[in-house]
Amino acid sequence: MTDPGHEPHVYPSGVQENHGGKVPVVLKLTYVGFVLFGILYFVLQRSGGSSSLVEMYNRLTGAK
């Protein structure tokens, strides 16, 4: 909730504060993606499948 009497602050570099703006969809999807990746990584670690994930990464990148 924004204060209607609040004047946006302008910094010396010319950047102006913007309160109450909408969050871009890309940032929302990134947040969801990181959460899903964290859950997947946790499940793989608990199941002991992390070594296969490392092996697959090594095959894809050509690392030995």
N, C-alpha and C. Protein backbone atom coordinates (compact mmCIF):
# COMPACT_ATOMS: atom_id res chain seq x y z
N MET A 1 0.84 -1.17 0.00
CA MET A 1 0.00 0.00 0.00
C MET A 1 0.89 1.23 0.00
N THR A 2 0.64 2.13 -0.88
CA THR A 2 1.47 3.31 -0.99
C THR A 2 0.80 4.50 -0.30
N ASP A 3 1.61 5.40 0.16
CA ASP A 3 1.13 6.62 0.80
C ASP A 3 0.89 7.66 -0.30
N PRO A 4 -0.35 8.14 -0.45
CA PRO A 4 -0.61 9.09 -1.55
C PRO A 4 0.12 10.41 -1.37
N GLY A 5 0.53 10.76 -0.14
CA GLY A 5 1.23 12.01 0.08
C GLY A 5 2.73 11.86 -0.01
N HIS A 6 3.20 10.67 -0.33
CA HIS A 6 4.65 10.41 -0.38
C HIS A 6 5.21 10.87 -1.71
N GLU A 7 6.19 11.75 -1.61
CA GLU A 7 6.88 12.20 -2.82
C GLU A 7 8.05 11.26 -3.09
N PRO A 8 8.19 10.78 -4.32
CA PRO A 8 9.32 9.89 -4.62
C PRO A 8 10.65 10.62 -4.46
N HIS A 9 11.62 9.91 -3.92
CA HIS A 9 12.94 10.47 -3.70
C HIS A 9 13.77 10.33 -4.98
N VAL A 10 14.47 11.39 -5.34
CA VAL A 10 15.36 11.36 -6.50
C VAL A 10 16.79 11.35 -5.98
N TYR A 11 17.54 10.32 -6.32
CA TYR A 11 18.92 10.19 -5.88
C TYR A 11 19.83 11.06 -6.75
N PRO A 12 21.04 11.37 -6.24
CA PRO A 12 21.95 12.25 -7.00
C PRO A 12 22.27 11.74 -8.41
N SER A 13 22.20 10.42 -8.62
CA SER A 13 22.51 9.88 -9.94
C SER A 13 21.35 10.08 -10.92
N GLY A 14 20.22 10.58 -10.42
CA GLY A 14 19.07 10.80 -11.29
C GLY A 14 18.05 9.68 -11.22
N VAL A 15 18.34 8.62 -10.44
CA VAL A 15 17.41 7.50 -10.30
C VAL A 15 16.29 7.93 -9.36
N GLN A 16 15.06 7.64 -9.75
CA GLN A 16 13.91 8.02 -8.95
C GLN A 16 13.26 6.78 -8.36
N GLU A 17 12.88 6.87 -7.08
CA GLU A 17 12.18 5.75 -6.43
C GLU A 17 10.83 5.56 -7.09
N ASN A 18 10.42 4.31 -7.19
CA ASN A 18 9.11 4.01 -7.74
C ASN A 18 8.44 3.02 -6.81
N HIS A 19 7.57 3.50 -5.96
CA HIS A 19 6.88 2.63 -5.00
C HIS A 19 5.58 2.12 -5.60
N GLY A 20 5.28 0.87 -5.31
CA GLY A 20 4.00 0.32 -5.72
C GLY A 20 3.95 -0.17 -7.15
N GLY A 21 5.09 -0.35 -7.79
CA GLY A 21 5.09 -0.84 -9.17
C GLY A 21 4.79 -2.33 -9.22
N LYS A 22 4.38 -2.80 -10.37
CA LYS A 22 4.09 -4.22 -10.54
C LYS A 22 5.39 -5.00 -10.72
N VAL A 23 5.38 -6.23 -10.23
CA VAL A 23 6.54 -7.11 -10.39
C VAL A 23 6.42 -7.79 -11.75
N PRO A 24 7.48 -7.73 -12.59
CA PRO A 24 7.41 -8.36 -13.90
C PRO A 24 7.21 -9.87 -13.79
N VAL A 25 6.54 -10.43 -14.78
CA VAL A 25 6.23 -11.86 -14.80
C VAL A 25 7.52 -12.69 -14.79
N VAL A 26 8.56 -12.20 -15.44
CA VAL A 26 9.83 -12.93 -15.50
C VAL A 26 10.38 -13.14 -14.09
N LEU A 27 10.30 -12.12 -13.25
CA LEU A 27 10.80 -12.25 -11.89
C LEU A 27 9.95 -13.22 -11.07
N LYS A 28 8.65 -13.21 -11.29
CA LYS A 28 7.78 -14.15 -10.59
C LYS A 28 8.12 -15.58 -11.00
N LEU A 29 8.33 -15.81 -12.28
CA LEU A 29 8.66 -17.16 -12.76
C LEU A 29 10.03 -17.60 -12.26
N THR A 30 10.96 -16.67 -12.17
CA THR A 30 12.29 -16.98 -11.65
C THR A 30 12.19 -17.42 -10.20
N TYR A 31 11.39 -16.72 -9.42
CA TYR A 31 11.20 -17.09 -8.02
C TYR A 31 10.63 -18.50 -7.90
N VAL A 32 9.61 -18.79 -8.69
CA VAL A 32 9.00 -20.12 -8.67
C VAL A 32 10.01 -21.17 -9.14
N GLY A 33 10.79 -20.84 -10.17
CA GLY A 33 11.78 -21.79 -10.69
C GLY A 33 12.84 -22.14 -9.66
N PHE A 34 13.34 -21.15 -8.93
CA PHE A 34 14.35 -21.41 -7.91
C PHE A 34 13.78 -22.28 -6.79
N VAL A 35 12.55 -22.03 -6.41
CA VAL A 35 11.92 -22.84 -5.36
C VAL A 35 11.77 -24.29 -5.83
N LEU A 36 11.29 -24.48 -7.05
CA LEU A 36 11.13 -25.84 -7.58
C LEU A 36 12.47 -26.55 -7.72
N PHE A 37 13.50 -25.83 -8.16
CA PHE A 37 14.83 -26.43 -8.27
C PHE A 37 15.35 -26.83 -6.90
N GLY A 38 15.12 -25.99 -5.89
CA GLY A 38 15.56 -26.32 -4.53
C GLY A 38 14.88 -27.56 -4.00
N ILE A 39 13.60 -27.68 -4.25
CA ILE A 39 12.86 -28.87 -3.80
C ILE A 39 13.36 -30.10 -4.54
N LEU A 40 13.54 -30.01 -5.84
CA LEU A 40 14.03 -31.14 -6.63
C LEU A 40 15.42 -31.56 -6.18
N TYR A 41 16.29 -30.59 -5.94
CA TYR A 41 17.65 -30.89 -5.48
C TYR A 41 17.62 -31.58 -4.12
N PHE A 42 16.77 -31.10 -3.22
CA PHE A 42 16.65 -31.71 -1.90
C PHE A 42 16.18 -33.15 -2.01
N VAL A 43 15.17 -33.39 -2.84
CA VAL A 43 14.64 -34.75 -3.00
C VAL A 43 15.71 -35.67 -3.60
N LEU A 44 16.45 -35.18 -4.58
CA LEU A 44 17.50 -36.00 -5.18
C LEU A 44 18.62 -36.29 -4.17
N GLN A 45 18.96 -35.32 -3.34
CA GLN A 45 19.99 -35.54 -2.33
C GLN A 45 19.53 -36.59 -1.32
N ARG A 46 18.27 -36.52 -0.90
CA ARG A 46 17.75 -37.45 0.10
C ARG A 46 17.64 -38.87 -0.47
N SER A 47 17.37 -38.99 -1.76
CA SER A 47 17.22 -40.31 -2.36
C SER A 47 18.56 -40.91 -2.78
N GLY A 48 19.63 -40.15 -2.67
CA GLY A 48 20.95 -40.65 -3.05
C GLY A 48 21.19 -40.60 -4.54
N GLY A 49 20.36 -39.90 -5.29
CA GLY A 49 20.50 -39.82 -6.74
C GLY A 49 21.38 -38.69 -7.20
N SER A 50 22.06 -38.04 -6.29
CA SER A 50 22.87 -36.88 -6.69
C SER A 50 24.06 -37.30 -7.54
N SER A 51 24.58 -38.52 -7.32
CA SER A 51 25.74 -38.95 -8.10
C SER A 51 25.36 -39.11 -9.57
N SER A 52 24.14 -39.59 -9.84
CA SER A 52 23.73 -39.73 -11.22
C SER A 52 23.54 -38.35 -11.86
N LEU A 53 23.12 -37.37 -11.07
CA LEU A 53 22.97 -36.02 -11.58
C LEU A 53 24.34 -35.44 -11.95
N VAL A 54 25.34 -35.71 -11.12
CA VAL A 54 26.70 -35.25 -11.40
C VAL A 54 27.25 -35.96 -12.64
N GLU A 55 27.00 -37.25 -12.75
CA GLU A 55 27.46 -38.00 -13.91
C GLU A 55 26.81 -37.47 -15.19
N MET A 56 25.52 -37.15 -15.13
CA MET A 56 24.84 -36.62 -16.31
C MET A 56 25.41 -35.25 -16.69
N TYR A 57 25.69 -34.42 -15.70
CA TYR A 57 26.29 -33.11 -15.96
C TYR A 57 27.67 -33.28 -16.60
N ASN A 58 28.45 -34.21 -16.08
CA ASN A 58 29.79 -34.46 -16.63
C ASN A 58 29.73 -34.93 -18.07
N ARG A 59 28.75 -35.79 -18.38
CA ARG A 59 28.59 -36.27 -19.75
C ARG A 59 28.21 -35.13 -20.68
N LEU A 60 27.31 -34.27 -20.21
CA LEU A 60 26.82 -33.15 -21.05
C LEU A 60 27.92 -32.13 -21.30
N THR A 61 28.76 -31.87 -20.30
CA THR A 61 29.78 -30.84 -20.45
C THR A 61 31.12 -31.38 -20.92
N GLY A 62 31.28 -32.71 -20.92
CA GLY A 62 32.53 -33.30 -21.35
C GLY A 62 33.58 -33.30 -20.27
N ALA A 63 33.19 -33.01 -19.03
CA ALA A 63 34.14 -33.02 -17.92
C ALA A 63 34.47 -34.47 -17.54
N LYS A 64 35.65 -34.67 -16.97
CA LYS A 64 36.05 -36.01 -16.57
C LYS A 64 36.11 -36.14 -15.09
